[in-house]
């Protein structure tokens, strides 16, 4: 989970909460508003976990929406571990950072949002296209939707572990990424 900011044609700021499944690369939700509180974050997450596959953990930065008492109690109530990245280390949440870069380049920078409803519509259209029409090399050139369907079964696809996860044997993070290995989670 993370936030991306932009503005409307009027100059009013908007924020988008992005939720990305690091296993399937699927984006189950992007919540767009002029301000997003920790209560709005948990409402969005409630919608996400209604779908098949409750996560075992959520990775996010140390923003106030993710460190509030409300967020912490929600995670405890749902039995979901909240994992915070270290300050100044965005690559500890690399999947969502990469997704946010694509969202910025392909949607936010490419559109002039007339109002909040227009922003929500265009961003949702981009999210649906991202999930259903764009193959990913890390998913054997399948779309996130197709990969998620292939992985669904008796266990949670969000909490599932890839069948043969890459193993790091030392070396620098840059070298490991260059060899095609995913960033290691702390």
N, C-alpha and C. Protein backbone atom coordinates (compact mmCIF):
# COMPACT_ATOMS: atom_id res chain seq x y z
N UNK A 1 0.85 -1.17 0.00
CA UNK A 1 0.00 0.00 0.00
C UNK A 1 0.90 1.23 0.00
N UNK A 2 0.41 2.24 -0.71
CA UNK A 2 1.13 3.49 -0.75
C UNK A 2 0.20 4.56 -1.30
N UNK A 3 0.67 5.78 -1.32
CA UNK A 3 -0.11 6.89 -1.84
C UNK A 3 0.60 7.53 -3.02
N UNK A 4 -0.19 8.04 -3.96
CA UNK A 4 0.28 8.85 -5.07
C UNK A 4 -0.55 10.11 -5.06
N UNK A 5 0.08 11.24 -5.31
CA UNK A 5 -0.63 12.52 -5.31
C UNK A 5 -0.67 13.12 -6.70
N UNK A 6 -1.70 13.89 -6.96
CA UNK A 6 -1.85 14.62 -8.23
C UNK A 6 -2.78 15.79 -7.95
N UNK A 7 -3.25 16.43 -9.00
CA UNK A 7 -4.19 17.53 -8.80
C UNK A 7 -5.22 17.55 -9.91
N UNK A 8 -6.34 18.19 -9.61
CA UNK A 8 -7.42 18.37 -10.57
C UNK A 8 -7.13 19.60 -11.42
N UNK A 9 -7.90 19.81 -12.47
CA UNK A 9 -7.75 20.99 -13.33
C UNK A 9 -7.89 22.28 -12.54
N UNK A 10 -8.67 22.25 -11.46
CA UNK A 10 -8.88 23.43 -10.62
C UNK A 10 -7.69 23.73 -9.72
N UNK A 11 -6.73 22.80 -9.66
CA UNK A 11 -5.57 22.96 -8.79
C UNK A 11 -5.72 22.25 -7.46
N UNK A 12 -6.90 21.72 -7.17
CA UNK A 12 -7.13 21.02 -5.91
C UNK A 12 -6.37 19.69 -5.91
N UNK A 13 -5.69 19.43 -4.81
CA UNK A 13 -4.89 18.21 -4.69
C UNK A 13 -5.78 16.99 -4.50
N UNK A 14 -5.34 15.87 -5.06
CA UNK A 14 -5.99 14.58 -4.83
C UNK A 14 -4.93 13.58 -4.43
N UNK A 15 -5.38 12.54 -3.73
CA UNK A 15 -4.49 11.45 -3.35
C UNK A 15 -5.12 10.14 -3.79
N UNK A 16 -4.27 9.20 -4.14
CA UNK A 16 -4.74 7.87 -4.52
C UNK A 16 -4.03 6.84 -3.65
N UNK A 17 -4.81 6.06 -2.93
CA UNK A 17 -4.28 4.92 -2.17
C UNK A 17 -4.19 3.75 -3.13
N UNK A 18 -3.00 3.22 -3.32
CA UNK A 18 -2.83 2.07 -4.22
C UNK A 18 -2.55 0.83 -3.39
N UNK A 19 -3.26 -0.24 -3.72
CA UNK A 19 -3.10 -1.53 -3.06
C UNK A 19 -2.67 -2.51 -4.15
N UNK A 20 -1.52 -3.16 -3.96
CA UNK A 20 -0.99 -4.08 -4.95
C UNK A 20 -0.64 -5.40 -4.28
N UNK A 21 -1.08 -6.50 -4.88
CA UNK A 21 -0.75 -7.84 -4.42
C UNK A 21 0.63 -8.18 -4.97
N UNK A 22 1.60 -8.37 -4.09
CA UNK A 22 2.97 -8.60 -4.55
C UNK A 22 3.15 -9.98 -5.19
N UNK A 23 2.24 -10.90 -4.96
CA UNK A 23 2.33 -12.23 -5.57
C UNK A 23 1.77 -12.24 -6.99
N UNK A 24 0.57 -11.70 -7.17
CA UNK A 24 -0.07 -11.74 -8.48
C UNK A 24 0.13 -10.46 -9.29
N UNK A 25 0.70 -9.43 -8.69
CA UNK A 25 0.88 -8.09 -9.28
C UNK A 25 -0.46 -7.42 -9.58
N UNK A 26 -1.52 -7.99 -9.05
CA UNK A 26 -2.87 -7.47 -9.25
C UNK A 26 -3.08 -6.24 -8.36
N UNK A 27 -3.82 -5.28 -8.88
CA UNK A 27 -4.20 -4.11 -8.10
C UNK A 27 -5.68 -4.23 -7.80
N UNK A 28 -6.04 -4.70 -6.60
CA UNK A 28 -7.46 -4.87 -6.29
C UNK A 28 -8.19 -3.57 -6.02
N UNK A 29 -7.45 -2.48 -5.73
CA UNK A 29 -8.14 -1.22 -5.43
C UNK A 29 -7.21 -0.03 -5.57
N UNK A 30 -7.79 1.06 -6.05
CA UNK A 30 -7.17 2.38 -5.97
C UNK A 30 -8.26 3.31 -5.46
N UNK A 31 -8.06 3.83 -4.28
CA UNK A 31 -9.03 4.74 -3.65
C UNK A 31 -8.57 6.16 -3.94
N UNK A 32 -9.42 6.97 -4.57
CA UNK A 32 -9.07 8.33 -4.96
C UNK A 32 -9.97 9.31 -4.20
N UNK A 33 -9.34 10.31 -3.55
CA UNK A 33 -10.10 11.32 -2.81
C UNK A 33 -9.22 12.56 -2.63
N UNK A 34 -9.82 13.61 -2.11
CA UNK A 34 -9.05 14.82 -1.83
C UNK A 34 -8.25 14.66 -0.55
N UNK A 35 -8.65 13.78 0.30
CA UNK A 35 -7.93 13.45 1.52
C UNK A 35 -8.30 12.05 1.93
N UNK A 36 -7.32 11.27 2.37
CA UNK A 36 -7.60 9.89 2.75
C UNK A 36 -7.09 9.67 4.17
N UNK A 37 -8.00 9.43 5.08
CA UNK A 37 -7.66 9.19 6.49
C UNK A 37 -7.40 7.70 6.71
N UNK A 38 -6.97 7.36 7.91
CA UNK A 38 -6.77 5.94 8.23
C UNK A 38 -8.10 5.18 8.19
N UNK A 39 -9.21 5.86 8.50
CA UNK A 39 -10.52 5.21 8.40
C UNK A 39 -10.86 4.90 6.95
N UNK A 40 -10.52 5.80 6.04
CA UNK A 40 -10.75 5.56 4.61
C UNK A 40 -9.86 4.42 4.11
N UNK A 41 -8.65 4.33 4.64
CA UNK A 41 -7.75 3.22 4.27
C UNK A 41 -8.37 1.90 4.68
N UNK A 42 -8.85 1.81 5.90
CA UNK A 42 -9.42 0.53 6.35
C UNK A 42 -10.74 0.21 5.64
N UNK A 43 -11.52 1.22 5.28
CA UNK A 43 -12.74 0.95 4.49
C UNK A 43 -12.36 0.36 3.14
N UNK A 44 -11.32 0.91 2.50
CA UNK A 44 -10.86 0.38 1.21
C UNK A 44 -10.34 -1.05 1.39
N UNK A 45 -9.60 -1.30 2.46
CA UNK A 45 -9.08 -2.64 2.71
C UNK A 45 -10.18 -3.63 3.04
N UNK A 46 -11.24 -3.18 3.70
CA UNK A 46 -12.38 -4.06 3.96
C UNK A 46 -12.97 -4.57 2.65
N UNK A 47 -13.06 -3.69 1.65
CA UNK A 47 -13.57 -4.09 0.34
C UNK A 47 -12.63 -5.09 -0.33
N UNK A 48 -11.33 -4.86 -0.16
CA UNK A 48 -10.34 -5.75 -0.79
C UNK A 48 -10.40 -7.14 -0.18
N UNK A 49 -10.49 -7.23 1.14
CA UNK A 49 -10.45 -8.56 1.76
C UNK A 49 -11.77 -9.30 1.65
N UNK A 50 -12.83 -8.63 1.16
CA UNK A 50 -14.06 -9.35 0.84
C UNK A 50 -13.84 -10.26 -0.35
N UNK A 51 -12.91 -9.89 -1.22
CA UNK A 51 -12.58 -10.70 -2.39
C UNK A 51 -11.82 -11.93 -1.90
N UNK A 52 -11.77 -12.98 -2.71
CA UNK A 52 -11.02 -14.18 -2.29
C UNK A 52 -9.56 -13.84 -2.01
N UNK A 53 -9.05 -14.39 -0.94
CA UNK A 53 -7.64 -14.23 -0.65
C UNK A 53 -7.31 -13.14 0.33
N UNK A 54 -7.52 -13.38 1.60
CA UNK A 54 -7.15 -12.42 2.65
C UNK A 54 -5.63 -12.46 2.83
N UNK A 55 -5.00 -11.29 2.86
CA UNK A 55 -3.54 -11.28 3.02
C UNK A 55 -3.14 -11.65 4.44
N UNK A 56 -1.95 -12.24 4.57
CA UNK A 56 -1.40 -12.51 5.89
C UNK A 56 -0.74 -11.25 6.44
N UNK A 57 -0.25 -10.41 5.53
CA UNK A 57 0.41 -9.19 5.97
C UNK A 57 0.21 -8.08 4.94
N UNK A 58 0.38 -6.86 5.40
CA UNK A 58 0.32 -5.68 4.55
C UNK A 58 1.62 -4.91 4.72
N UNK A 59 2.26 -4.55 3.61
CA UNK A 59 3.51 -3.80 3.66
C UNK A 59 3.20 -2.36 3.26
N UNK A 60 3.68 -1.43 4.06
CA UNK A 60 3.45 -0.01 3.79
C UNK A 60 4.55 0.82 4.44
N UNK A 61 4.56 2.10 4.14
CA UNK A 61 5.55 2.98 4.77
C UNK A 61 5.05 3.42 6.14
N UNK A 62 5.70 4.41 6.70
CA UNK A 62 5.37 4.85 8.06
C UNK A 62 4.51 6.10 8.08
N UNK A 63 3.72 6.32 7.04
CA UNK A 63 2.84 7.47 6.99
C UNK A 63 1.80 7.42 8.10
N UNK A 64 1.26 8.57 8.48
CA UNK A 64 0.31 8.61 9.60
C UNK A 64 -0.94 7.77 9.36
N UNK A 65 -1.36 7.60 8.11
CA UNK A 65 -2.54 6.78 7.83
C UNK A 65 -2.27 5.30 8.13
N UNK A 66 -1.00 4.89 8.04
CA UNK A 66 -0.65 3.49 8.24
C UNK A 66 -0.14 3.19 9.64
N UNK A 67 0.11 4.22 10.45
CA UNK A 67 0.63 4.00 11.80
C UNK A 67 -0.35 4.43 12.87
N UNK A 68 -1.55 4.82 12.48
CA UNK A 68 -2.54 5.30 13.45
C UNK A 68 -3.04 4.14 14.32
N UNK A 69 -3.57 4.48 15.46
CA UNK A 69 -4.17 3.48 16.34
C UNK A 69 -5.31 2.75 15.63
N UNK A 70 -6.06 3.51 14.83
CA UNK A 70 -7.18 2.90 14.09
C UNK A 70 -6.67 1.81 13.15
N UNK A 71 -5.62 2.10 12.38
CA UNK A 71 -5.06 1.13 11.44
C UNK A 71 -4.51 -0.08 12.20
N UNK A 72 -3.78 0.17 13.27
CA UNK A 72 -3.19 -0.93 14.05
C UNK A 72 -4.26 -1.83 14.65
N UNK A 73 -5.33 -1.23 15.19
CA UNK A 73 -6.39 -2.06 15.78
C UNK A 73 -7.17 -2.80 14.70
N UNK A 74 -7.36 -2.19 13.52
CA UNK A 74 -8.03 -2.88 12.42
C UNK A 74 -7.23 -4.12 12.02
N UNK A 75 -5.91 -3.97 11.87
CA UNK A 75 -5.08 -5.11 11.49
C UNK A 75 -5.12 -6.21 12.56
N UNK A 76 -5.07 -5.81 13.81
CA UNK A 76 -5.14 -6.79 14.90
C UNK A 76 -6.47 -7.53 14.88
N UNK A 77 -7.56 -6.79 14.68
CA UNK A 77 -8.90 -7.38 14.63
C UNK A 77 -9.03 -8.37 13.48
N UNK A 78 -8.42 -8.06 12.34
CA UNK A 78 -8.52 -8.92 11.16
C UNK A 78 -7.46 -10.02 11.13
N UNK A 79 -6.50 -9.97 12.06
CA UNK A 79 -5.44 -10.98 12.09
C UNK A 79 -4.45 -10.80 10.95
N UNK A 80 -4.21 -9.56 10.58
CA UNK A 80 -3.30 -9.25 9.48
C UNK A 80 -2.09 -8.52 10.05
N UNK A 81 -0.90 -9.02 9.73
CA UNK A 81 0.33 -8.40 10.22
C UNK A 81 0.60 -7.13 9.40
N UNK A 82 0.95 -6.05 10.06
CA UNK A 82 1.29 -4.80 9.40
C UNK A 82 2.81 -4.67 9.41
N UNK A 83 3.40 -4.64 8.23
CA UNK A 83 4.85 -4.56 8.08
C UNK A 83 5.19 -3.19 7.53
N UNK A 84 5.94 -2.41 8.31
CA UNK A 84 6.34 -1.07 7.86
C UNK A 84 7.74 -1.12 7.27
N UNK A 85 7.93 -0.41 6.17
CA UNK A 85 9.26 -0.31 5.58
C UNK A 85 10.08 0.66 6.41
N UNK A 86 11.38 0.57 6.28
CA UNK A 86 12.26 1.50 6.97
C UNK A 86 12.15 2.86 6.30
N UNK A 87 12.18 3.93 7.08
CA UNK A 87 12.13 5.28 6.49
C UNK A 87 13.25 5.48 5.47
N UNK A 88 12.89 6.06 4.33
CA UNK A 88 13.87 6.32 3.29
C UNK A 88 14.26 5.10 2.47
N UNK A 89 13.54 4.01 2.60
CA UNK A 89 13.85 2.77 1.86
C UNK A 89 12.64 2.33 1.04
N UNK A 90 12.25 3.09 0.02
CA UNK A 90 11.04 2.74 -0.74
C UNK A 90 11.14 1.40 -1.46
N UNK A 91 12.35 0.93 -1.78
CA UNK A 91 12.45 -0.33 -2.49
C UNK A 91 12.13 -1.53 -1.61
N UNK A 92 11.94 -1.32 -0.32
CA UNK A 92 11.46 -2.40 0.52
C UNK A 92 9.99 -2.70 0.21
N UNK A 93 9.37 -1.84 -0.56
CA UNK A 93 8.01 -2.03 -1.05
C UNK A 93 8.03 -1.84 -2.57
N UNK A 94 8.98 -2.50 -3.21
CA UNK A 94 9.28 -2.29 -4.62
C UNK A 94 8.13 -2.53 -5.58
N UNK A 95 7.30 -3.54 -5.30
CA UNK A 95 6.20 -3.83 -6.23
C UNK A 95 5.23 -2.65 -6.32
N UNK A 96 4.88 -2.08 -5.17
CA UNK A 96 3.94 -0.95 -5.20
C UNK A 96 4.63 0.30 -5.74
N UNK A 97 5.91 0.48 -5.48
CA UNK A 97 6.63 1.64 -6.02
C UNK A 97 6.69 1.56 -7.55
N UNK A 98 6.94 0.37 -8.08
CA UNK A 98 6.95 0.18 -9.53
C UNK A 98 5.56 0.44 -10.11
N UNK A 99 4.54 -0.11 -9.45
CA UNK A 99 3.17 0.11 -9.89
C UNK A 99 2.84 1.60 -9.89
N UNK A 100 3.22 2.31 -8.81
CA UNK A 100 2.94 3.75 -8.73
C UNK A 100 3.64 4.53 -9.84
N UNK A 101 4.83 4.09 -10.23
CA UNK A 101 5.51 4.74 -11.34
C UNK A 101 4.75 4.57 -12.65
N UNK A 102 4.23 3.37 -12.87
CA UNK A 102 3.42 3.14 -14.07
C UNK A 102 2.14 3.96 -14.03
N UNK A 103 1.48 3.99 -12.87
CA UNK A 103 0.27 4.78 -12.71
C UNK A 103 0.56 6.25 -13.01
N UNK A 104 1.65 6.76 -12.47
CA UNK A 104 2.02 8.16 -12.70
C UNK A 104 2.27 8.42 -14.19
N UNK A 105 3.12 7.59 -14.82
CA UNK A 105 3.51 7.81 -16.22
C UNK A 105 2.35 7.62 -17.19
N UNK A 106 1.56 6.57 -16.98
CA UNK A 106 0.57 6.19 -17.98
C UNK A 106 -0.82 6.76 -17.74
N UNK A 107 -1.10 7.18 -16.53
CA UNK A 107 -2.45 7.67 -16.24
C UNK A 107 -2.43 9.09 -15.71
N UNK A 108 -1.75 9.32 -14.60
CA UNK A 108 -1.81 10.65 -13.98
C UNK A 108 -1.19 11.72 -14.87
N UNK A 109 -0.01 11.46 -15.43
CA UNK A 109 0.64 12.45 -16.29
C UNK A 109 -0.02 12.57 -17.66
N UNK A 110 -0.78 11.56 -18.05
CA UNK A 110 -1.39 11.55 -19.38
C UNK A 110 -2.81 12.12 -19.39
N UNK A 111 -3.35 12.46 -18.23
CA UNK A 111 -4.74 12.92 -18.15
C UNK A 111 -4.83 14.25 -17.42
N UNK A 112 -5.81 15.03 -17.81
CA UNK A 112 -6.16 16.29 -17.18
C UNK A 112 -7.51 16.03 -16.53
N UNK A 113 -7.53 15.89 -15.20
CA UNK A 113 -8.75 15.52 -14.50
C UNK A 113 -9.61 16.76 -14.26
N UNK A 114 -10.81 16.77 -14.81
CA UNK A 114 -11.71 17.91 -14.67
C UNK A 114 -12.23 18.08 -13.25
N UNK A 115 -12.55 16.95 -12.60
CA UNK A 115 -13.06 16.97 -11.24
C UNK A 115 -12.76 15.62 -10.59
N UNK A 116 -13.16 15.45 -9.35
CA UNK A 116 -12.87 14.22 -8.63
C UNK A 116 -13.53 13.01 -9.27
N UNK A 117 -14.75 13.15 -9.73
CA UNK A 117 -15.45 12.03 -10.39
C UNK A 117 -14.72 11.61 -11.67
N UNK A 118 -14.24 12.58 -12.42
CA UNK A 118 -13.47 12.29 -13.64
C UNK A 118 -12.18 11.56 -13.30
N UNK A 119 -11.49 12.01 -12.26
CA UNK A 119 -10.25 11.36 -11.83
C UNK A 119 -10.53 9.91 -11.41
N UNK A 120 -11.56 9.71 -10.62
CA UNK A 120 -11.90 8.34 -10.19
C UNK A 120 -12.21 7.44 -11.37
N UNK A 121 -12.98 7.95 -12.33
CA UNK A 121 -13.36 7.15 -13.50
C UNK A 121 -12.13 6.78 -14.33
N UNK A 122 -11.30 7.74 -14.63
CA UNK A 122 -10.12 7.48 -15.48
C UNK A 122 -9.12 6.56 -14.79
N UNK A 123 -8.90 6.78 -13.50
CA UNK A 123 -7.95 5.94 -12.75
C UNK A 123 -8.50 4.53 -12.63
N UNK A 124 -9.78 4.36 -12.40
CA UNK A 124 -10.38 3.02 -12.33
C UNK A 124 -10.29 2.32 -13.69
N UNK A 125 -10.53 3.03 -14.78
CA UNK A 125 -10.39 2.43 -16.11
C UNK A 125 -8.96 1.96 -16.34
N UNK A 126 -7.99 2.76 -15.91
CA UNK A 126 -6.58 2.37 -16.05
C UNK A 126 -6.29 1.13 -15.21
N UNK A 127 -6.81 1.08 -13.97
CA UNK A 127 -6.61 -0.07 -13.08
C UNK A 127 -7.16 -1.35 -13.70
N UNK A 128 -8.36 -1.28 -14.26
CA UNK A 128 -8.97 -2.46 -14.89
C UNK A 128 -8.12 -2.92 -16.08
N UNK A 129 -7.68 -1.97 -16.89
CA UNK A 129 -6.82 -2.30 -18.04
C UNK A 129 -5.51 -2.91 -17.56
N UNK A 130 -4.92 -2.36 -16.53
CA UNK A 130 -3.66 -2.88 -15.97
C UNK A 130 -3.83 -4.34 -15.54
N UNK A 131 -4.92 -4.64 -14.84
CA UNK A 131 -5.15 -6.00 -14.34
C UNK A 131 -5.53 -6.99 -15.41
N UNK A 132 -6.30 -6.56 -16.41
CA UNK A 132 -6.90 -7.53 -17.33
C UNK A 132 -6.29 -7.59 -18.72
N UNK A 133 -5.52 -6.58 -19.11
CA UNK A 133 -5.03 -6.55 -20.49
C UNK A 133 -3.52 -6.48 -20.63
N UNK A 134 -2.79 -6.31 -19.54
CA UNK A 134 -1.35 -6.10 -19.63
C UNK A 134 -0.58 -7.29 -19.09
N UNK A 135 0.06 -8.06 -19.96
CA UNK A 135 0.86 -9.18 -19.47
C UNK A 135 2.13 -8.68 -18.79
N UNK A 136 2.59 -9.44 -17.80
CA UNK A 136 3.80 -9.10 -17.06
C UNK A 136 4.83 -10.20 -17.25
N UNK A 137 6.06 -9.83 -17.52
CA UNK A 137 7.11 -10.82 -17.70
C UNK A 137 7.30 -11.66 -16.44
N UNK A 138 7.13 -11.05 -15.26
CA UNK A 138 7.31 -11.79 -14.01
C UNK A 138 6.20 -12.81 -13.77
N UNK A 139 5.13 -12.75 -14.56
CA UNK A 139 4.01 -13.69 -14.43
C UNK A 139 3.95 -14.61 -15.65
N UNK A 140 5.10 -14.87 -16.27
CA UNK A 140 5.17 -15.69 -17.47
C UNK A 140 4.29 -15.10 -18.57
N UNK A 141 4.31 -13.80 -18.68
CA UNK A 141 3.57 -13.03 -19.69
C UNK A 141 2.06 -13.27 -19.64
N UNK A 142 1.57 -13.45 -18.42
CA UNK A 142 0.12 -13.49 -18.20
C UNK A 142 -0.29 -12.17 -17.56
N UNK A 143 -1.57 -11.86 -17.65
CA UNK A 143 -2.08 -10.66 -16.98
C UNK A 143 -2.22 -10.98 -15.48
N UNK A 144 -2.24 -9.96 -14.62
CA UNK A 144 -2.48 -10.24 -13.20
C UNK A 144 -3.78 -10.99 -12.96
N UNK A 145 -4.85 -10.63 -13.67
CA UNK A 145 -6.12 -11.35 -13.51
C UNK A 145 -5.97 -12.83 -13.87
N UNK A 146 -5.34 -13.11 -15.00
CA UNK A 146 -5.17 -14.50 -15.44
C UNK A 146 -4.30 -15.27 -14.46
N UNK A 147 -3.24 -14.64 -13.98
CA UNK A 147 -2.35 -15.30 -13.02
C UNK A 147 -3.08 -15.57 -11.71
N UNK A 148 -3.85 -14.60 -11.23
CA UNK A 148 -4.61 -14.77 -9.99
C UNK A 148 -5.60 -15.92 -10.12
N UNK A 149 -6.27 -16.02 -11.26
CA UNK A 149 -7.23 -17.11 -11.48
C UNK A 149 -6.51 -18.45 -11.51
N UNK A 150 -5.33 -18.50 -12.13
CA UNK A 150 -4.57 -19.74 -12.19
C UNK A 150 -4.08 -20.16 -10.81
N UNK A 151 -3.87 -19.20 -9.92
CA UNK A 151 -3.36 -19.49 -8.58
C UNK A 151 -4.45 -19.73 -7.56
N UNK A 152 -5.70 -19.39 -7.90
CA UNK A 152 -6.77 -19.53 -6.92
C UNK A 152 -7.06 -21.01 -6.70
N UNK A 153 -7.44 -21.31 -5.52
CA UNK A 153 -7.72 -22.68 -5.14
C UNK A 153 -8.10 -22.72 -3.69
N UNK A 154 -7.79 -23.83 -3.02
CA UNK A 154 -8.20 -23.96 -1.62
C UNK A 154 -7.45 -23.01 -0.68
N UNK A 155 -6.30 -22.50 -1.11
CA UNK A 155 -5.56 -21.56 -0.25
C UNK A 155 -5.67 -20.17 -0.81
N UNK A 156 -5.39 -19.22 0.02
CA UNK A 156 -5.44 -17.82 -0.37
C UNK A 156 -4.37 -17.51 -1.40
N UNK A 157 -4.74 -16.90 -2.51
CA UNK A 157 -3.74 -16.55 -3.51
C UNK A 157 -2.88 -15.39 -3.05
N UNK A 158 -3.42 -14.48 -2.23
CA UNK A 158 -2.63 -13.35 -1.77
C UNK A 158 -1.60 -13.81 -0.76
N UNK A 159 -1.96 -14.77 0.07
CA UNK A 159 -1.05 -15.24 1.10
C UNK A 159 -0.16 -16.37 0.60
N UNK A 160 -0.41 -16.85 -0.60
CA UNK A 160 0.34 -17.98 -1.13
C UNK A 160 1.80 -17.61 -1.39
N UNK A 161 2.64 -18.61 -1.37
CA UNK A 161 4.05 -18.42 -1.67
C UNK A 161 4.28 -18.97 -3.07
N UNK A 162 5.02 -18.24 -3.91
CA UNK A 162 5.28 -18.76 -5.26
C UNK A 162 5.90 -20.15 -5.17
N UNK A 163 5.61 -21.03 -6.14
CA UNK A 163 6.08 -22.40 -6.06
C UNK A 163 7.60 -22.51 -5.98
N UNK A 164 8.33 -21.71 -6.70
CA UNK A 164 9.78 -21.73 -6.67
C UNK A 164 10.31 -20.31 -6.51
N UNK A 165 10.20 -19.74 -5.31
CA UNK A 165 10.65 -18.37 -5.15
C UNK A 165 12.16 -18.29 -5.36
N UNK A 166 12.64 -17.20 -5.95
CA UNK A 166 14.08 -17.06 -6.15
C UNK A 166 14.79 -16.98 -4.81
N UNK A 167 15.96 -17.56 -4.76
CA UNK A 167 16.74 -17.59 -3.53
C UNK A 167 17.94 -16.67 -3.71
N UNK A 168 18.15 -15.81 -2.74
CA UNK A 168 19.30 -14.92 -2.77
C UNK A 168 20.47 -15.64 -2.13
N UNK A 169 21.58 -15.54 -2.75
CA UNK A 169 22.78 -16.18 -2.20
C UNK A 169 23.84 -15.17 -1.87
N UNK A 170 23.44 -13.95 -1.57
CA UNK A 170 24.40 -12.91 -1.24
C UNK A 170 24.57 -11.96 -2.40
N UNK A 171 25.50 -11.06 -2.27
CA UNK A 171 25.73 -10.09 -3.33
C UNK A 171 24.91 -8.85 -3.11
N UNK A 172 25.08 -7.90 -3.98
CA UNK A 172 24.38 -6.63 -3.83
C UNK A 172 22.94 -6.74 -4.31
N UNK A 173 22.10 -5.85 -3.80
CA UNK A 173 20.71 -5.81 -4.24
C UNK A 173 20.64 -5.51 -5.73
N UNK A 174 21.46 -4.59 -6.21
CA UNK A 174 21.42 -4.24 -7.63
C UNK A 174 21.79 -5.43 -8.49
N UNK A 175 22.79 -6.19 -8.06
CA UNK A 175 23.20 -7.37 -8.82
C UNK A 175 22.11 -8.42 -8.83
N UNK A 176 21.46 -8.60 -7.69
CA UNK A 176 20.37 -9.58 -7.62
C UNK A 176 19.23 -9.18 -8.53
N UNK A 177 18.87 -7.88 -8.55
CA UNK A 177 17.81 -7.43 -9.44
C UNK A 177 18.21 -7.62 -10.89
N UNK A 178 19.46 -7.36 -11.20
CA UNK A 178 19.91 -7.50 -12.58
C UNK A 178 19.80 -8.94 -13.04
N UNK A 179 19.92 -9.89 -12.12
CA UNK A 179 19.81 -11.31 -12.47
C UNK A 179 18.36 -11.76 -12.51
N UNK A 180 17.42 -10.86 -12.21
CA UNK A 180 16.00 -11.22 -12.28
C UNK A 180 15.41 -11.62 -10.96
N UNK A 181 16.14 -11.49 -9.88
CA UNK A 181 15.60 -11.86 -8.59
C UNK A 181 14.75 -10.74 -8.03
N UNK A 182 13.71 -11.11 -7.34
CA UNK A 182 12.84 -10.11 -6.70
C UNK A 182 13.55 -9.53 -5.50
N UNK A 183 13.18 -8.32 -5.14
CA UNK A 183 13.73 -7.70 -3.94
C UNK A 183 13.32 -8.52 -2.74
N UNK A 184 14.27 -8.73 -1.85
CA UNK A 184 13.98 -9.52 -0.65
C UNK A 184 13.19 -8.67 0.34
N UNK A 185 12.25 -9.30 0.98
CA UNK A 185 11.49 -8.61 2.03
C UNK A 185 12.24 -8.80 3.34
N UNK A 186 12.31 -7.76 4.18
CA UNK A 186 13.03 -7.92 5.44
C UNK A 186 12.32 -8.85 6.37
